[in-house]
Amino acid sequence: MAKKPLLEFTDRGIYCARGKFYIDPWQPVDDAVITHAHADHAYPGNKHYLAHHLSKEVLLYRLGEIQLQTVEYGETVMKNGVVISLYPAGHVIGSAQIRVEYQGEVWVVSGDYKVEDDGISTPFEPVKCHHFISECTFGMPVYTWKPQVQIFEDINNWWRTNLHNGMATVLVGYSLGKAQRILQNLDLFNGKVYTHGVIENTNDALRRNGVLLNPTERITPDSIKEEVRKGIILAPPSSVGTTWMRKFQPYSFGYCSGWMAIRGAKRRRAADRGFVLSDHADWNGLISAIDATGCESVYLTHGYTASFSRYLNEIGFDAHEVHTLYGDDEEASPQPSSEEREQTSEGDEKQKNADQVLSLGEDLGEAGGPVS
């Protein structure tokens, strides 16, 4: 009889029968281990949660009063003889890979991750294992990121140009991860950073958790429009096209996302500028991270799973595509246009329709109010 795997893919999530817990379950369970606080990985309704301590206040903000245990990176927790430990994923503040070990067999669940040090999240750390469960959100060769220092140089130059032209600057990125990364890497040469309520609520939660962030000012109905327009405005995707954003006209609107790497994405977002800034690993980052684990097999949970698993098998990995409900986070892409399918396929007809990209998720939390 074949040995039962330590981790299984079920209709509730990734399950460890030996330990009687789930990792990032999407249906309510008794015992959940959470990789990070994005809505597609941290669902409500579980009886008990285990996560990294820097996710604590954001999880409480997003999920309400929950039974939550938090640990440091590298700290071990035992569940029914199974050893659990968390290691940095580099995705957002508090994100973790989950290492699971029993009788010498080691599995690692990546959650979402990136390999570039963003200056605010604990940098990604490869973890040796027998079996690696990985995302591949940007698992196509067209997705190759430039160093973030180049991206922020472009953003700062754009901001200066807007000021020179009498335009307000509105920069859009999701509220947990992207907003804080932008905040910590901007050149604050011209004063204040103003924030939409959703982003500021998340900033407040992180500050309660002891995270040091650059100063920000929440936009409220009492905010003076002309003062706000002198700074830079950070807004979530859910604010695009709303009355709230139109209050700052005339403005130039920029969008930060890995999807800006393909033509047409900026146009469909109605953005004036698109900045290729992702909190997920690019093509090369995925391959290097998987290789660094030394794993015997890899399971791909969300993103370009079909084409990426084919590629990994071609270069010698034992790769498998699995179905999960991950991927519908704040950086998930809408269905690509035919033009964008052509770009991502790079001439390979088999890849044009093989991949599923999930719909755009909304940020959670209350919206910011209008300004006077």
Protein backbone atom coordinates (compact mmCIF):
# COMPACT_ATOMS: atom_id res chain seq x y z
CA MET A 1 0.00 0.00 0.00
CA ALA A 2 1.33 3.44 -0.96
CA LYS A 3 2.29 5.74 1.89
CA LYS A 4 -0.27 8.45 2.56
CA PRO A 5 1.21 11.91 1.89
CA LEU A 6 1.72 14.17 4.88
CA LEU A 7 -0.23 16.96 3.17
CA GLU A 8 -3.29 16.46 0.96
CA PHE A 9 -5.37 18.73 -1.26
CA THR A 10 -9.02 18.66 -0.18
CA ASP A 11 -12.20 20.62 -0.86
CA ARG A 12 -11.50 22.68 2.28
CA GLY A 13 -7.82 23.38 1.71
CA ILE A 14 -4.40 21.84 2.22
CA TYR A 15 -4.86 19.25 4.97
CA CYS A 16 -2.52 17.44 7.34
CA ALA A 17 -4.49 14.42 8.55
CA ARG A 18 -1.72 13.35 10.92
CA GLY A 19 -1.65 16.78 12.59
CA LYS A 20 -5.39 17.47 12.15
CA PHE A 21 -4.89 20.98 10.78
CA TYR A 22 -5.33 22.85 7.51
CA ILE A 23 -3.09 25.42 5.83
CA ASP A 24 -4.91 28.47 4.42
CA PRO A 25 -8.31 26.70 4.31
CA TRP A 26 -11.08 28.34 2.30
CA GLN A 27 -13.86 26.60 4.25
CA PRO A 28 -14.28 26.87 8.04
CA VAL A 29 -12.20 24.30 9.97
CA ASP A 30 -11.21 23.69 13.57
CA ASP A 31 -7.48 24.38 13.20
CA ALA A 32 -5.98 26.67 10.53
CA VAL A 33 -2.36 27.64 9.90
CA ILE A 34 -2.22 30.90 7.92
CA THR A 35 0.57 32.00 5.57
CA HIS A 36 -0.46 35.67 5.48
CA ALA A 37 -3.39 38.02 5.98
CA HIS A 38 -4.59 38.50 2.39
CA ALA A 39 -8.25 37.61 1.95
CA ASP A 40 -7.67 34.59 -0.31
CA HIS A 41 -5.45 32.93 2.33
CA ALA A 42 -7.01 34.08 5.61
CA TYR A 43 -10.73 33.28 5.56
CA PRO A 44 -13.16 33.91 8.44
CA GLY A 45 -14.93 31.20 10.39
CA ASN A 46 -12.09 28.99 11.65
CA LYS A 47 -12.09 28.02 15.33
CA HIS A 48 -8.34 28.49 15.81
CA TYR A 49 -5.69 30.33 13.79
CA LEU A 50 -1.89 30.10 13.86
CA ALA A 51 0.13 32.79 12.06
CA HIS A 52 3.28 34.91 12.29
CA HIS A 53 3.14 37.58 14.98
CA LEU A 54 3.43 40.45 12.48
CA SER A 55 0.14 39.33 10.95
CA LYS A 56 -1.70 39.53 14.27
CA GLU A 57 -3.22 43.00 14.19
CA VAL A 58 -4.09 42.89 10.48
CA LEU A 59 -5.84 39.53 10.96
CA LEU A 60 -7.81 40.94 13.89
CA TYR A 61 -8.71 44.03 11.85
CA ARG A 62 -9.87 41.98 8.88
CA LEU A 63 -11.44 38.98 10.63
CA GLY A 64 -12.62 40.44 13.95
CA GLU A 65 -12.18 38.73 17.30
CA ILE A 66 -10.69 35.31 16.50
CA GLN A 67 -8.81 32.73 18.53
CA LEU A 68 -5.30 33.50 17.27
CA GLN A 69 -1.91 32.10 18.23
CA THR A 70 1.17 33.80 16.80
CA VAL A 71 4.81 32.72 16.58
CA GLU A 72 8.16 34.03 15.41
CA TYR A 73 10.01 32.78 12.33
CA GLY A 74 11.77 29.52 13.14
CA GLU A 75 9.74 28.85 16.28
CA THR A 76 8.24 25.36 16.38
CA VAL A 77 4.70 24.29 17.27
CA MET A 78 3.72 20.64 17.75
CA LYS A 79 0.31 19.39 16.64
CA ASN A 80 -0.37 15.71 17.26
CA GLY A 81 3.27 14.81 16.72
CA VAL A 82 3.67 16.98 13.60
CA VAL A 83 6.24 19.81 13.84
CA ILE A 84 5.19 23.14 12.32
CA SER A 85 7.48 26.13 11.82
CA LEU A 86 7.20 29.37 9.85
CA TYR A 87 9.86 30.91 7.60
CA PRO A 88 9.94 34.25 5.75
CA ALA A 89 8.10 34.42 2.41
CA GLY A 90 8.99 38.03 1.54
CA HIS A 91 5.50 38.62 0.12
CA VAL A 92 4.15 41.18 2.61
CA ILE A 93 4.80 42.06 6.25
CA GLY A 94 4.23 38.92 8.34
CA SER A 95 3.98 36.53 5.39
CA ALA A 96 5.35 33.04 5.99
CA GLN A 97 6.12 29.74 4.39
CA ILE A 98 4.79 26.85 6.45
CA ARG A 99 7.24 24.00 7.10
CA VAL A 100 5.61 20.73 8.19
CA GLU A 101 7.66 17.73 9.38
CA TYR A 102 6.77 14.25 10.57
CA GLN A 103 9.19 11.33 11.02
CA GLY A 104 11.80 12.96 8.76
CA GLU A 105 9.38 13.83 5.94
CA VAL A 106 9.31 17.59 5.22
CA TRP A 107 6.75 19.60 3.25
CA VAL A 108 6.80 23.36 2.73
CA VAL A 109 3.78 25.45 1.70
CA SER A 110 4.99 28.71 0.21
CA GLY A 111 1.82 30.78 0.32
CA ASP A 112 2.58 33.81 -1.84
CA TYR A 113 6.20 34.93 -2.03
CA LYS A 114 8.81 37.07 -3.75
CA VAL A 115 12.57 36.73 -3.65
CA GLU A 116 13.60 40.41 -3.88
CA ASP A 117 14.16 42.19 -0.57
CA ASP A 118 11.61 45.02 -0.60
CA GLY A 119 13.00 46.84 2.45
CA ILE A 120 9.89 46.33 4.61
CA SER A 121 9.00 42.60 4.59
CA THR A 122 11.32 40.00 6.12
CA PRO A 123 13.25 38.71 3.06
CA PHE A 124 12.40 35.34 1.52
CA GLU A 125 14.38 32.41 2.90
CA PRO A 126 14.61 29.10 0.96
CA VAL A 127 13.66 26.08 3.06
CA LYS A 128 14.94 22.60 2.24
CA CYS A 129 12.17 20.04 1.87
CA HIS A 130 11.04 16.87 0.11
CA HIS A 131 7.84 18.39 -1.26
CA PHE A 132 7.21 22.07 -2.07
CA ILE A 133 3.74 23.57 -2.59
CA SER A 134 4.25 26.78 -4.55
CA GLU A 135 2.28 29.57 -6.13
CA CYS A 136 3.10 30.63 -9.70
CA THR A 137 1.04 33.79 -10.16
CA PHE A 138 3.58 35.17 -12.65
CA GLY A 139 4.89 31.88 -13.96
CA MET A 140 5.53 32.99 -17.57
CA PRO A 141 8.82 34.24 -19.10
CA VAL A 142 7.32 37.64 -19.96
CA TYR A 143 7.19 38.43 -16.24
CA THR A 144 10.73 39.44 -15.32
CA TRP A 145 11.01 42.23 -12.77
CA LYS A 146 13.51 45.09 -12.76
CA PRO A 147 15.17 45.89 -9.42
CA GLN A 148 12.75 47.92 -7.33
CA VAL A 149 15.22 50.82 -7.01
CA GLN A 150 14.66 51.48 -10.73
CA ILE A 151 10.88 51.37 -10.33
CA PHE A 152 10.92 53.85 -7.46
CA GLU A 153 13.23 56.16 -9.38
CA ASP A 154 10.57 56.21 -12.13
CA ILE A 155 7.80 56.82 -9.57
CA ASN A 156 9.65 59.71 -7.92
CA ASN A 157 10.45 61.33 -11.28
CA TRP A 158 6.78 61.01 -12.29
CA TRP A 159 5.71 62.64 -9.02
CA ARG A 160 8.12 65.56 -9.63
CA THR A 161 6.77 66.01 -13.15
CA ASN A 162 3.21 66.08 -11.87
CA LEU A 163 4.08 68.76 -9.32
CA HIS A 164 5.74 70.83 -12.03
CA ASN A 165 2.61 70.53 -14.18
CA GLY A 166 0.19 71.38 -11.37
CA MET A 167 -1.22 67.84 -11.22
CA ALA A 168 -2.04 65.85 -8.10
CA THR A 169 -0.35 62.44 -7.87
CA VAL A 170 -2.51 59.39 -7.07
CA LEU A 171 -0.70 56.08 -6.78
CA VAL A 172 -2.72 52.87 -6.53
CA GLY A 173 -1.61 49.64 -4.87
CA TYR A 174 -3.34 47.10 -2.67
CA SER A 175 -3.72 47.98 0.97
CA LEU A 176 -1.64 45.22 2.60
CA GLY A 177 1.86 44.90 1.22
CA LYS A 178 2.03 47.15 -1.81
CA ALA A 179 0.97 50.32 0.02
CA GLN A 180 3.57 49.87 2.76
CA ARG A 181 6.27 48.96 0.24
CA ILE A 182 5.54 52.16 -1.69
CA LEU A 183 5.46 54.21 1.51
CA GLN A 184 8.86 52.99 2.72
CA ASN A 185 10.61 53.44 -0.63
CA LEU A 186 9.32 56.83 -1.79
CA ASP A 187 11.64 59.82 -1.84
CA LEU A 188 9.58 62.11 0.39
CA PHE A 189 11.08 65.25 -1.11
CA ASN A 190 7.84 67.19 -1.25
CA GLY A 191 6.07 66.66 2.01
CA LYS A 192 3.28 64.41 3.10
CA VAL A 193 1.91 61.04 2.08
CA TYR A 194 -1.89 61.03 2.19
CA THR A 195 -3.82 57.78 2.43
CA HIS A 196 -7.25 56.38 1.66
CA GLY A 197 -9.03 55.02 4.74
CA VAL A 198 -8.54 51.36 3.75
CA ILE A 199 -4.78 51.81 3.53
CA GLU A 200 -4.56 53.86 6.70
CA ASN A 201 -6.58 51.26 8.65
CA THR A 202 -4.02 48.67 7.57
CA ASN A 203 -1.13 50.99 8.45
CA ASP A 204 -2.68 51.54 11.89
CA ALA A 205 -2.93 47.78 12.44
CA LEU A 206 0.70 47.25 11.47
CA ARG A 207 1.84 50.09 13.73
CA ARG A 208 -0.06 48.50 16.63
CA ASN A 209 2.01 45.39 15.86
CA GLY A 210 5.22 47.40 16.28
CA VAL A 211 6.00 47.93 12.59
CA LEU A 212 7.77 51.25 11.96
CA LEU A 213 6.29 53.01 8.94
CA ASN A 214 6.96 56.45 7.49
CA PRO A 215 4.42 59.12 8.51
CA THR A 216 1.08 59.22 6.70
CA GLU A 217 -2.07 61.33 6.97
CA ARG A 218 -5.54 59.84 6.54
CA ILE A 219 -7.79 61.64 4.06
CA THR A 220 -11.05 62.60 5.80
CA PRO A 221 -14.00 64.90 5.02
CA ASP A 222 -12.05 67.61 6.85
CA SER A 223 -8.94 67.29 4.67
CA ILE A 224 -8.18 70.39 2.63
CA LYS A 225 -8.08 69.44 -1.03
CA GLU A 226 -5.33 71.85 -2.06
CA GLU A 227 -3.05 70.65 0.73
CA VAL A 228 -3.63 67.00 -0.20
CA ARG A 229 -2.84 67.73 -3.84
CA LYS A 230 0.64 68.95 -2.86
CA GLY A 231 1.63 65.57 -1.48
CA ILE A 232 1.23 62.07 -2.90
CA ILE A 233 -2.01 60.11 -2.46
CA LEU A 234 -1.92 56.34 -1.86
CA ALA A 235 -5.17 54.61 -2.79
CA PRO A 236 -6.42 51.00 -3.10
CA PRO A 237 -7.72 49.47 -6.36
CA SER A 238 -11.30 49.73 -5.08
CA SER A 239 -11.08 53.55 -5.23
CA VAL A 240 -10.38 53.74 -8.97
CA GLY A 241 -13.11 55.60 -10.85
CA THR A 242 -14.96 56.61 -7.68
CA THR A 243 -16.18 60.01 -6.54
CA TRP A 244 -13.52 59.85 -3.84
CA MET A 245 -10.71 59.85 -6.40
CA ARG A 246 -12.34 62.43 -8.67
CA LYS A 247 -12.22 64.93 -5.79
CA PHE A 248 -8.50 65.40 -6.50
CA GLN A 249 -8.79 66.45 -10.15
CA PRO A 250 -6.75 67.38 -12.02
CA TYR A 251 -4.53 64.42 -11.18
CA SER A 252 -2.23 61.87 -12.76
CA PHE A 253 -3.11 58.32 -11.74
CA GLY A 254 -0.48 55.57 -11.52
CA TYR A 255 -1.03 51.85 -10.92
CA CYS A 256 1.55 49.54 -9.28
CA SER A 257 1.19 45.89 -10.25
CA GLY A 258 3.09 43.05 -11.87
CA TRP A 259 0.35 42.96 -14.52
CA MET A 260 1.66 46.28 -15.84
CA ALA A 261 4.37 44.19 -17.57
CA ILE A 262 1.96 43.38 -20.40
CA ARG A 263 0.55 45.82 -22.94
CA GLY A 264 -3.07 46.74 -22.42
CA ALA A 265 -3.10 46.32 -18.62
CA LYS A 266 -2.51 50.03 -18.01
CA ARG A 267 -5.22 50.91 -20.53
CA ARG A 268 -7.76 48.60 -18.93
CA ARG A 269 -7.01 50.11 -15.52
CA ALA A 270 -7.56 53.57 -17.07
CA ALA A 271 -4.20 54.57 -15.59
CA ASP A 272 -1.93 57.35 -16.82
CA ARG A 273 1.13 55.40 -15.74
CA GLY A 274 1.73 51.73 -15.04
CA PHE A 275 4.59 50.70 -12.75
CA VAL A 276 5.72 47.06 -12.81
CA LEU A 277 5.93 46.42 -9.08
CA SER A 278 4.81 43.04 -7.79
CA ASP A 279 4.84 41.34 -4.42
CA HIS A 280 5.00 37.94 -6.14
CA ALA A 281 8.05 36.19 -7.57
CA ASP A 282 8.70 36.61 -11.28
CA TRP A 283 9.60 33.80 -13.70
CA ASN A 284 13.24 33.62 -12.65
CA GLY A 285 12.39 34.05 -8.97
CA LEU A 286 9.98 31.13 -9.03
CA ILE A 287 12.49 28.82 -10.67
CA SER A 288 15.32 29.83 -8.34
CA ALA A 289 13.14 29.46 -5.25
CA ILE A 290 11.90 26.02 -6.25
CA ASP A 291 15.41 24.86 -7.12
CA ALA A 292 16.79 26.13 -3.79
CA THR A 293 14.43 23.86 -1.82
CA GLY A 294 16.06 20.74 -3.26
CA CYS A 295 12.57 19.24 -3.38
CA GLU A 296 11.69 15.88 -4.90
CA SER A 297 8.33 17.18 -6.12
CA VAL A 298 6.59 20.52 -6.52
CA TYR A 299 2.85 21.26 -6.51
CA LEU A 300 1.57 24.46 -8.13
CA THR A 301 -1.52 25.95 -6.53
CA HIS A 302 -2.46 29.12 -8.44
CA GLY A 303 -1.41 31.28 -11.36
CA TYR A 304 -0.07 29.87 -14.64
CA THR A 305 -0.16 26.35 -13.23
CA ALA A 306 -0.64 24.40 -16.48
CA SER A 307 2.13 25.96 -18.56
CA PHE A 308 4.54 26.38 -15.64
CA SER A 309 4.18 22.75 -14.54
CA ARG A 310 4.84 21.64 -18.11
CA TYR A 311 8.00 23.73 -18.20
CA LEU A 312 9.25 22.46 -14.84
CA ASN A 313 8.73 18.85 -15.93
CA GLU A 314 10.65 19.56 -19.15
CA ILE A 315 13.69 20.79 -17.18
CA GLY A 316 13.70 17.85 -14.78
CA PHE A 317 11.39 18.66 -11.89
CA ASP A 318 8.53 16.41 -10.80
CA ALA A 319 5.82 19.10 -11.03
CA HIS A 320 2.07 18.82 -10.55
CA GLU A 321 -0.82 21.21 -11.10
CA VAL A 322 -3.43 21.30 -8.33
CA HIS A 323 -6.73 23.14 -7.95
CA THR A 324 -7.14 25.61 -5.10
CA LEU A 325 -9.07 28.82 -4.44
CA TYR A 326 -5.96 30.93 -3.95
CA GLY A 327 -5.06 33.79 -6.24
CA ASP A 328 -8.09 36.07 -5.79
CA ASP A 329 -6.11 38.60 -3.78
CA GLU A 330 -5.58 42.31 -4.33
CA GLU A 331 -3.06 41.73 -7.12
CA ALA A 332 -5.06 39.10 -9.02
CA SER A 333 -5.58 40.04 -12.64
CA PRO A 334 -8.78 40.33 -14.64
CA GLN A 335 -9.15 37.97 -17.59
CA PRO A 336 -6.48 39.02 -20.13
CA SER A 337 -7.36 40.38 -23.53
CA SER A 338 -6.52 38.48 -26.72
CA GLU A 339 -3.59 40.86 -27.23
CA GLU A 340 -2.22 40.05 -23.78
CA ARG A 341 -2.68 36.31 -24.32
CA GLU A 342 -0.51 36.68 -27.41
CA GLN A 343 2.21 38.38 -25.40
CA THR A 344 2.28 35.88 -22.54
CA SER A 345 2.34 32.91 -24.90
CA GLU A 346 5.46 34.19 -26.69
CA GLY A 347 4.61 32.19 -29.77
CA ASP A 348 3.62 28.98 -28.02
CA GLU A 349 0.09 28.20 -29.23
CA LYS A 350 -0.46 25.66 -26.47
CA GLN A 351 -0.02 28.33 -23.80
CA LYS A 352 -2.54 30.84 -25.11
CA ASN A 353 -5.59 29.34 -23.43
CA ALA A 354 -4.04 26.95 -20.95
CA ASP A 355 -3.87 29.31 -18.02
CA GLN A 356 -6.47 30.62 -15.63
CA VAL A 357 -6.10 34.10 -14.21
CA LEU A 358 -8.60 34.87 -11.49
CA SER A 359 -10.71 38.01 -11.23
CA LEU A 360 -9.66 41.21 -9.48
CA GLY A 361 -10.23 41.12 -5.73
CA GLU A 362 -11.36 44.12 -3.71
CA ASP A 363 -9.52 45.50 -0.72
CA LEU A 364 -11.21 44.88 2.61
CA GLY A 365 -12.08 47.54 5.13
CA GLU A 366 -13.91 50.86 5.19
CA ALA A 367 -13.51 53.43 2.45
CA GLY A 368 -12.03 56.84 3.03
CA GLY A 369 -14.41 59.78 3.11
CA PRO A 370 -14.62 62.67 0.62
CA VAL A 371 -12.55 65.81 1.04
CA SER A 372 -13.66 69.39 1.22
